[in-house]
Amino acid sequence: MNNPNANKYVISLYDYTGEALIPWAEAGYRCYAYDIQHKVIDHKQFDSGGFIIFCKLDLHKLENINHLVTSYKGKDVVLGMAWPVCTDLSVSGSAHFASKREKDPFFQEKAANYALWCSQLFEALNVPYFVENPVSVLSTLWRKPDYRFHPFEYGDYISDSEAEHPKWPEYIPPKDAYRKKTCLWASDSFKMPDQKPVECSAYYGNGYSKQIMKLGGKSQKTKNIRSATPRGFARAVFEANRS
């Protein structure tokens, strides 16, 4: 079949699930998800001819960021996304900041740099992009975010037949019907999608899902669930920014 997007690329950094890339791969794009949790390399093919390649990469090493710039230079990259680790930045973890600073006075500056590197990578490639984080000290260590949203505000981009979360339905309400203030630092060329909200007040904690209110612990699985890409927002970004 003819695939008009066969030579177009989408890059997603600090992306373990690949959820943000699924709409693009379904439309035939070449999608790459980079995260240190991946196997060396993994591959998911779609009927459109598009695919997601999951690549193991330590994005806390500047030489790896530079390698990605070199690898994608000259390619038709239509969007860059980044979901850098927020543990040392999110204001929800502020109770632990003092003890962390005793161990490493520059722990937040280092974490902020990892987010900045993502932005600089995409700027070097001259592509539309966003860098995602919850409400965090990036607002002071970098700059104020360009956009803020809650997942429920994009929940109606998810069809009724796919309402239930495919991986963690016990924690994430159908159609992303939960609150979690999320911030984006974006390029001028990134198009923030229109909202299609769903009702979320009926869920746990006045709209705050169990992943936020009930899921404790420090395991990697817990972190992955708490930071899961909202499916509705992923679909909305695709609809607004596809070329």
C-alpha atoms as a PDB file:
ATOM      1  CA  MET A   1       0.000   0.000   0.000  1.00  0.00           C
ATOM      2  CA  ASN A   2       1.091   3.580  -0.659  1.00  0.00           C
ATOM      3  CA  ASN A   3       2.263   5.246   2.537  1.00  0.00           C
ATOM      4  CA  PRO A   4       2.644   9.025   2.164  1.00  0.00           C
ATOM      5  CA  ASN A   5       4.307   9.267   5.584  1.00  0.00           C
ATOM      6  CA  ALA A   6       6.866   6.512   5.024  1.00  0.00           C
ATOM      7  CA  ASN A   7       9.833   8.874   5.196  1.00  0.00           C
ATOM      8  CA  LYS A   8       8.590  11.102   8.001  1.00  0.00           C
ATOM      9  CA  TYR A   9       9.960  10.706  11.536  1.00  0.00           C
ATOM     10  CA  VAL A  10       8.624  11.348  15.032  1.00  0.00           C
ATOM     11  CA  ILE A  11      10.981  11.214  18.029  1.00  0.00           C
ATOM     12  CA  SER A  12       9.949  10.699  21.649  1.00  0.00           C
ATOM     13  CA  LEU A  13      12.507  10.947  24.472  1.00  0.00           C
ATOM     14  CA  TYR A  14      12.204   9.412  27.949  1.00  0.00           C
ATOM     15  CA  ASP A  15       9.357   7.362  26.488  1.00  0.00           C
ATOM     16  CA  TYR A  16       8.927   3.879  27.927  1.00  0.00           C
ATOM     17  CA  THR A  17       5.385   3.027  26.798  1.00  0.00           C
ATOM     18  CA  GLY A  18       5.427   4.552  23.309  1.00  0.00           C
ATOM     19  CA  GLU A  19       1.821   5.635  23.900  1.00  0.00           C
ATOM     20  CA  ALA A  20       2.465   9.114  22.511  1.00  0.00           C
ATOM     21  CA  LEU A  21       3.705   7.585  19.254  1.00  0.00           C
ATOM     22  CA  ILE A  22       0.855   5.163  18.550  1.00  0.00           C
ATOM     23  CA  PRO A  23      -1.354   7.597  16.552  1.00  0.00           C
ATOM     24  CA  TRP A  24       1.629   8.515  14.401  1.00  0.00           C
ATOM     25  CA  ALA A  25       2.665   4.920  13.746  1.00  0.00           C
ATOM     26  CA  GLU A  26      -0.938   4.029  12.898  1.00  0.00           C
ATOM     27  CA  ALA A  27      -0.773   6.758  10.227  1.00  0.00           C
ATOM     28  CA  GLY A  28       2.420   5.368   8.732  1.00  0.00           C
ATOM     29  CA  TYR A  29       5.149   7.467  10.344  1.00  0.00           C
ATOM     30  CA  ARG A  30       8.564   6.177  11.437  1.00  0.00           C
ATOM     31  CA  CYS A  31       8.527   6.531  15.202  1.00  0.00           C
ATOM     32  CA  TYR A  32      11.393   6.170  17.663  1.00  0.00           C
ATOM     33  CA  ALA A  33      11.031   5.949  21.447  1.00  0.00           C
ATOM     34  CA  TYR A  34      14.189   6.389  23.513  1.00  0.00           C
ATOM     35  CA  ASP A  35      14.483   5.380  27.154  1.00  0.00           C
ATOM     36  CA  ILE A  36      17.059   3.667  29.347  1.00  0.00           C
ATOM     37  CA  GLN A  37      14.450   1.061  30.388  1.00  0.00           C
ATOM     38  CA  HIS A  38      14.110  -0.455  26.922  1.00  0.00           C
ATOM     39  CA  LYS A  39      15.848  -3.555  25.741  1.00  0.00           C
ATOM     40  CA  VAL A  40      18.703  -2.815  23.355  1.00  0.00           C
ATOM     41  CA  ILE A  41      16.108  -2.466  20.587  1.00  0.00           C
ATOM     42  CA  ASP A  42      12.498  -3.539  20.069  1.00  0.00           C
ATOM     43  CA  HIS A  43      10.055  -3.075  17.213  1.00  0.00           C
ATOM     44  CA  LYS A  44       6.286  -2.732  16.797  1.00  0.00           C
ATOM     45  CA  GLN A  45       4.839  -2.759  13.278  1.00  0.00           C
ATOM     46  CA  PHE A  46       1.456  -1.334  12.187  1.00  0.00           C
ATOM     47  CA  ASP A  47      -0.765  -2.181   9.216  1.00  0.00           C
ATOM     48  CA  SER A  48      -0.191   1.297   7.763  1.00  0.00           C
ATOM     49  CA  GLY A  49       3.498   0.539   7.257  1.00  0.00           C
ATOM     50  CA  GLY A  50       4.388   2.756  10.184  1.00  0.00           C
ATOM     51  CA  PHE A  51       6.293   1.463  13.176  1.00  0.00           C
ATOM     52  CA  ILE A  52       7.615   2.247  16.617  1.00  0.00           C
ATOM     53  CA  ILE A  53      11.206   1.321  17.373  1.00  0.00           C
ATOM     54  CA  PHE A  54      12.049   1.270  21.075  1.00  0.00           C
ATOM     55  CA  CYS A  55      15.718   2.062  21.676  1.00  0.00           C
ATOM     56  CA  LYS A  56      17.664   1.724  24.905  1.00  0.00           C
ATOM     57  CA  LEU A  57      19.572   4.968  25.457  1.00  0.00           C
ATOM     58  CA  ASP A  58      20.874   6.852  28.482  1.00  0.00           C
ATOM     59  CA  LEU A  59      19.602  10.371  27.833  1.00  0.00           C
ATOM     60  CA  HIS A  60      21.496  11.699  30.848  1.00  0.00           C
ATOM     61  CA  LYS A  61      24.686  11.523  28.791  1.00  0.00           C
ATOM     62  CA  LEU A  62      25.273  14.556  26.591  1.00  0.00           C
ATOM     63  CA  GLU A  63      27.212  12.518  24.036  1.00  0.00           C
ATOM     64  CA  ASN A  64      24.054  10.480  23.394  1.00  0.00           C
ATOM     65  CA  ILE A  65      22.034  13.647  22.835  1.00  0.00           C
ATOM     66  CA  ASN A  66      24.669  14.824  20.365  1.00  0.00           C
ATOM     67  CA  HIS A  67      24.532  11.439  18.643  1.00  0.00           C
ATOM     68  CA  LEU A  68      20.792  11.841  18.093  1.00  0.00           C
ATOM     69  CA  VAL A  69      21.315  15.272  16.541  1.00  0.00           C
ATOM     70  CA  THR A  70      23.787  13.757  14.101  1.00  0.00           C
ATOM     71  CA  SER A  71      21.545  10.749  13.395  1.00  0.00           C
ATOM     72  CA  TYR A  72      18.470  12.813  12.502  1.00  0.00           C
ATOM     73  CA  LYS A  73      20.129  15.758  10.783  1.00  0.00           C
ATOM     74  CA  GLY A  74      18.704  16.056   7.271  1.00  0.00           C
ATOM     75  CA  LYS A  75      15.786  13.678   7.931  1.00  0.00           C
ATOM     76  CA  ASP A  76      12.161  14.805   7.736  1.00  0.00           C
ATOM     77  CA  VAL A  77      11.394  14.931  11.465  1.00  0.00           C
ATOM     78  CA  VAL A  78       7.876  16.325  11.926  1.00  0.00           C
ATOM     79  CA  LEU A  79       7.677  16.357  15.738  1.00  0.00           C
ATOM     80  CA  GLY A  80       9.829  15.912  18.804  1.00  0.00           C
ATOM     81  CA  MET A  81       8.420  15.014  22.225  1.00  0.00           C
ATOM     82  CA  ALA A  82      10.187  14.629  25.563  1.00  0.00           C
ATOM     83  CA  TRP A  83       8.981  13.376  28.941  1.00  0.00           C
ATOM     84  CA  PRO A  84      12.073  13.846  31.151  1.00  0.00           C
ATOM     85  CA  VAL A  85      12.196  12.395  34.645  1.00  0.00           C
ATOM     86  CA  CYS A  86      10.428  14.712  37.076  1.00  0.00           C
ATOM     87  CA  THR A  87      11.407  13.117  40.417  1.00  0.00           C
ATOM     88  CA  ASP A  88      13.898  15.862  41.301  1.00  0.00           C
ATOM     89  CA  LEU A  89      11.832  18.692  39.815  1.00  0.00           C
ATOM     90  CA  SER A  90       8.154  18.204  40.619  1.00  0.00           C
ATOM     91  CA  VAL A  91       6.810  20.359  43.438  1.00  0.00           C
ATOM     92  CA  SER A  92       4.939  17.292  44.697  1.00  0.00           C
ATOM     93  CA  GLY A  93       8.305  15.971  45.857  1.00  0.00           C
ATOM     94  CA  SER A  94       9.418  19.170  47.575  1.00  0.00           C
ATOM     95  CA  ALA A  95       9.430  17.517  51.010  1.00  0.00           C
ATOM     96  CA  HIS A  96      12.504  15.568  49.923  1.00  0.00           C
ATOM     97  CA  PHE A  97      14.392  18.431  48.298  1.00  0.00           C
ATOM     98  CA  ALA A  98      16.398  19.411  51.381  1.00  0.00           C
ATOM     99  CA  SER A  99      17.777  15.919  52.004  1.00  0.00           C
ATOM    100  CA  LYS A 100      18.599  15.514  48.326  1.00  0.00           C
ATOM    101  CA  ARG A 101      20.406  18.853  48.319  1.00  0.00           C
ATOM    102  CA  GLU A 102      22.553  17.731  51.232  1.00  0.00           C
ATOM    103  CA  LYS A 103      23.752  14.780  49.148  1.00  0.00           C
ATOM    104  CA  ASP A 104      24.133  16.791  45.945  1.00  0.00           C
ATOM    105  CA  PRO A 105      23.811  20.612  46.022  1.00  0.00           C
ATOM    106  CA  PHE A 106      23.255  20.644  42.252  1.00  0.00           C
ATOM    107  CA  PHE A 107      20.746  17.807  41.930  1.00  0.00           C
ATOM    108  CA  GLN A 108      17.998  20.055  40.554  1.00  0.00           C
ATOM    109  CA  GLU A 109      20.249  21.943  38.169  1.00  0.00           C
ATOM    110  CA  LYS A 110      21.344  18.595  36.724  1.00  0.00           C
ATOM    111  CA  ALA A 111      17.732  17.447  36.346  1.00  0.00           C
ATOM    112  CA  ALA A 112      16.793  20.739  34.685  1.00  0.00           C
ATOM    113  CA  ASN A 113      19.684  20.349  32.270  1.00  0.00           C
ATOM    114  CA  TYR A 114      18.313  17.003  31.101  1.00  0.00           C
ATOM    115  CA  ALA A 115      15.079  18.757  30.103  1.00  0.00           C
ATOM    116  CA  LEU A 116      17.009  21.590  28.467  1.00  0.00           C
ATOM    117  CA  TRP A 117      19.060  19.113  26.434  1.00  0.00           C
ATOM    118  CA  CYS A 118      15.842  17.746  24.940  1.00  0.00           C
ATOM    119  CA  SER A 119      14.816  21.231  23.882  1.00  0.00           C
ATOM    120  CA  GLN A 120      18.266  21.948  22.453  1.00  0.00           C
ATOM    121  CA  LEU A 121      18.249  18.688  20.498  1.00  0.00           C
ATOM    122  CA  PHE A 122      14.935  19.563  18.844  1.00  0.00           C
ATOM    123  CA  GLU A 123      16.039  23.153  18.247  1.00  0.00           C
ATOM    124  CA  ALA A 124      19.157  21.839  16.502  1.00  0.00           C
ATOM    125  CA  LEU A 125      16.918  19.751  14.239  1.00  0.00           C
ATOM    126  CA  ASN A 126      14.575  22.724  13.705  1.00  0.00           C
ATOM    127  CA  VAL A 127      11.420  20.694  14.420  1.00  0.00           C
ATOM    128  CA  PRO A 128       8.205  21.458  16.325  1.00  0.00           C
ATOM    129  CA  TYR A 129       8.446  20.044  19.842  1.00  0.00           C
ATOM    130  CA  PHE A 130       7.343  20.043  23.439  1.00  0.00           C
ATOM    131  CA  VAL A 131       8.994  19.031  26.705  1.00  0.00           C
ATOM    132  CA  GLU A 132       6.552  17.746  29.348  1.00  0.00           C
ATOM    133  CA  ASN A 133       6.767  17.941  33.140  1.00  0.00           C
ATOM    134  CA  PRO A 134       4.295  18.349  35.978  1.00  0.00           C
ATOM    135  CA  VAL A 135       4.234  21.584  37.948  1.00  0.00           C
ATOM    136  CA  SER A 136       7.916  21.842  38.775  1.00  0.00           C
ATOM    137  CA  VAL A 137      10.920  24.006  39.469  1.00  0.00           C
ATOM    138  CA  LEU A 138      11.631  24.076  35.743  1.00  0.00           C
ATOM    139  CA  SER A 139       9.542  27.238  35.834  1.00  0.00           C
ATOM    140  CA  THR A 140      12.359  28.962  37.736  1.00  0.00           C
ATOM    141  CA  LEU A 141      15.401  26.988  36.551  1.00  0.00           C
ATOM    142  CA  TRP A 142      14.426  27.297  32.893  1.00  0.00           C
ATOM    143  CA  ARG A 143      11.366  29.430  32.107  1.00  0.00           C
ATOM    144  CA  LYS A 144       7.630  29.422  32.640  1.00  0.00           C
ATOM    145  CA  PRO A 145       5.752  26.753  30.656  1.00  0.00           C
ATOM    146  CA  ASP A 146       3.921  27.669  27.478  1.00  0.00           C
ATOM    147  CA  TYR A 147       0.875  25.498  28.170  1.00  0.00           C
ATOM    148  CA  ARG A 148      -0.861  23.725  31.055  1.00  0.00           C
ATOM    149  CA  PHE A 149      -3.555  21.061  30.930  1.00  0.00           C
ATOM    150  CA  HIS A 150      -5.265  18.192  32.764  1.00  0.00           C
ATOM    151  CA  PRO A 151      -5.675  14.785  31.032  1.00  0.00           C
ATOM    152  CA  PHE A 152      -9.494  14.881  31.305  1.00  0.00           C
ATOM    153  CA  GLU A 153      -9.511  17.968  29.076  1.00  0.00           C
ATOM    154  CA  TYR A 154      -8.561  15.726  26.129  1.00  0.00           C
ATOM    155  CA  GLY A 155     -10.417  12.589  27.190  1.00  0.00           C
ATOM    156  CA  ASP A 156     -13.028  12.694  24.440  1.00  0.00           C
ATOM    157  CA  TYR A 157     -10.354  12.131  21.793  1.00  0.00           C
ATOM    158  CA  ILE A 158     -10.516   8.499  22.999  1.00  0.00           C
ATOM    159  CA  SER A 159     -13.320   6.506  21.385  1.00  0.00           C
ATOM    160  CA  ASP A 160     -15.952   4.810  23.532  1.00  0.00           C
ATOM    161  CA  SER A 161     -14.742   1.413  22.340  1.00  0.00           C
ATOM    162  CA  GLU A 162     -11.232   2.166  23.652  1.00  0.00           C
ATOM    163  CA  ALA A 163     -12.310   4.015  26.799  1.00  0.00           C
ATOM    164  CA  GLU A 164     -10.719   1.591  29.257  1.00  0.00           C
ATOM    165  CA  HIS A 165      -6.978   1.981  29.713  1.00  0.00           C
ATOM    166  CA  PRO A 166      -5.258  -0.977  27.974  1.00  0.00           C
ATOM    167  CA  LYS A 167      -2.504  -1.418  30.580  1.00  0.00           C
ATOM    168  CA  TRP A 168      -3.571  -0.013  33.939  1.00  0.00           C
ATOM    169  CA  PRO A 169      -7.391   0.201  34.101  1.00  0.00           C
ATOM    170  CA  GLU A 170      -7.294  -0.332  37.864  1.00  0.00           C
ATOM    171  CA  TYR A 171      -5.428   2.958  38.297  1.00  0.00           C
ATOM    172  CA  ILE A 172      -6.301   5.148  35.312  1.00  0.00           C
ATOM    173  CA  PRO A 173      -9.995   5.990  34.726  1.00  0.00           C
ATOM    174  CA  PRO A 174     -11.645   5.404  31.333  1.00  0.00           C
ATOM    175  CA  LYS A 175     -11.024   8.150  28.797  1.00  0.00           C
ATOM    176  CA  ASP A 176      -8.330   9.710  31.004  1.00  0.00           C
ATOM    177  CA  ALA A 177     -11.051  11.190  33.206  1.00  0.00           C
ATOM    178  CA  TYR A 178      -8.695  12.499  35.870  1.00  0.00           C
ATOM    179  CA  ARG A 179      -6.892  15.620  36.947  1.00  0.00           C
ATOM    180  CA  LYS A 180      -3.131  15.995  36.923  1.00  0.00           C
ATOM    181  CA  LYS A 181      -1.835  19.447  36.087  1.00  0.00           C
ATOM    182  CA  THR A 182       0.749  18.997  33.364  1.00  0.00           C
ATOM    183  CA  CYS A 183       3.005  21.628  31.827  1.00  0.00           C
ATOM    184  CA  LEU A 184       4.554  21.905  28.379  1.00  0.00           C
ATOM    185  CA  TRP A 185       7.578  23.876  27.282  1.00  0.00           C
ATOM    186  CA  ALA A 186       7.094  24.112  23.543  1.00  0.00           C
ATOM    187  CA  SER A 187       8.441  25.584  20.349  1.00  0.00           C
ATOM    188  CA  ASP A 188       6.518  28.323  18.558  1.00  0.00           C
ATOM    189  CA  SER A 189       5.798  25.856  15.745  1.00  0.00           C
ATOM    190  CA  PHE A 190       4.104  23.311  18.022  1.00  0.00           C
ATOM    191  CA  LYS A 191       0.313  23.464  17.794  1.00  0.00           C
ATOM    192  CA  MET A 192      -1.474  23.005  21.108  1.00  0.00           C
ATOM    193  CA  PRO A 193      -4.582  20.934  20.320  1.00  0.00           C
ATOM    194  CA  ASP A 194      -8.152  21.991  20.998  1.00  0.00           C
ATOM    195  CA  GLN A 195      -9.689  20.502  24.119  1.00  0.00           C
ATOM    196  CA  LYS A 196     -12.410  17.836  24.145  1.00  0.00           C
ATOM    197  CA  PRO A 197     -13.038  17.384  27.878  1.00  0.00           C
ATOM    198  CA  VAL A 198     -14.880  14.624  29.705  1.00  0.00           C
ATOM    199  CA  GLU A 199     -16.439  14.682  33.163  1.00  0.00           C
ATOM    200  CA  CYS A 200     -14.013  13.614  35.889  1.00  0.00           C
ATOM    201  CA  SER A 201     -15.500  14.766  39.215  1.00  0.00           C
ATOM    202  CA  ALA A 202     -17.091  11.349  39.827  1.00  0.00           C
ATOM    203  CA  TYR A 203     -13.707   9.702  40.180  1.00  0.00           C
ATOM    204  CA  TYR A 204     -11.502   9.298  43.224  1.00  0.00           C
ATOM    205  CA  GLY A 205     -10.444  12.457  45.079  1.00  0.00           C
ATOM    206  CA  ASN A 206     -12.537  15.028  43.182  1.00  0.00           C
ATOM    207  CA  GLY A 207     -11.177  13.923  39.862  1.00  0.00           C
ATOM    208  CA  TYR A 208      -7.690  12.859  40.910  1.00  0.00           C
ATOM    209  CA  SER A 209      -7.125   9.251  39.830  1.00  0.00           C
ATOM    210  CA  LYS A 210      -5.841   6.366  41.933  1.00  0.00           C
ATOM    211  CA  GLN A 211      -2.516   6.602  40.128  1.00  0.00           C
ATOM    212  CA  ILE A 212      -2.050   9.983  41.790  1.00  0.00           C
ATOM    213  CA  MET A 213      -3.845   9.537  45.106  1.00  0.00           C
ATOM    214  CA  LYS A 214      -3.300   5.881  45.973  1.00  0.00           C
ATOM    215  CA  LEU A 215      -0.265   4.585  44.140  1.00  0.00           C
ATOM    216  CA  GLY A 216       2.707   4.906  46.475  1.00  0.00           C
ATOM    217  CA  GLY A 217       6.165   3.384  46.598  1.00  0.00           C
ATOM    218  CA  LYS A 218       9.356   3.980  44.692  1.00  0.00           C
ATOM    219  CA  SER A 219       9.347   1.071  42.229  1.00  0.00           C
ATOM    220  CA  GLN A 220       9.942   1.735  38.560  1.00  0.00           C
ATOM    221  CA  LYS A 221       6.519   0.288  37.750  1.00  0.00           C
ATOM    222  CA  THR A 222       4.906   2.809  40.099  1.00  0.00           C
ATOM    223  CA  LYS A 223       6.791   5.657  38.450  1.00  0.00           C
ATOM    224  CA  ASN A 224       5.778   4.424  34.991  1.00  0.00           C
ATOM    225  CA  ILE A 225       2.098   4.303  35.922  1.00  0.00           C
ATOM    226  CA  ARG A 226       2.126   7.689  37.604  1.00  0.00           C
ATOM    227  CA  SER A 227       3.824   9.276  34.590  1.00  0.00           C
ATOM    228  CA  ALA A 228       1.839   7.418  31.902  1.00  0.00           C
ATOM    229  CA  THR A 229       1.206   9.535  28.803  1.00  0.00           C
ATOM    230  CA  PRO A 230      -2.489  10.496  28.640  1.00  0.00           C
ATOM    231  CA  ARG A 231      -3.903   8.689  25.617  1.00  0.00           C
ATOM    232  CA  GLY A 232      -6.382  11.424  24.767  1.00  0.00           C
ATOM    233  CA  PHE A 233      -3.703  14.084  24.765  1.00  0.00           C
ATOM    234  CA  ALA A 234      -1.474  11.895  22.581  1.00  0.00           C
ATOM    235  CA  ARG A 235      -4.277  11.556  20.024  1.00  0.00           C
ATOM    236  CA  ALA A 236      -5.030  15.286  20.197  1.00  0.00           C
ATOM    237  CA  VAL A 237      -1.385  16.214  19.576  1.00  0.00           C
ATOM    238  CA  PHE A 238      -1.384  13.981  16.502  1.00  0.00           C
ATOM    239  CA  GLU A 239      -4.579  15.516  15.134  1.00  0.00           C
ATOM    240  CA  ALA A 240      -3.224  19.050  15.573  1.00  0.00           C
ATOM    241  CA  ASN A 241       0.351  18.531  14.368  1.00  0.00           C
ATOM    242  CA  ARG A 242       0.308  15.824  11.686  1.00  0.00           C
ATOM    243  CA  SER A 243       1.603  16.908   8.304  1.00  0.00           C
END
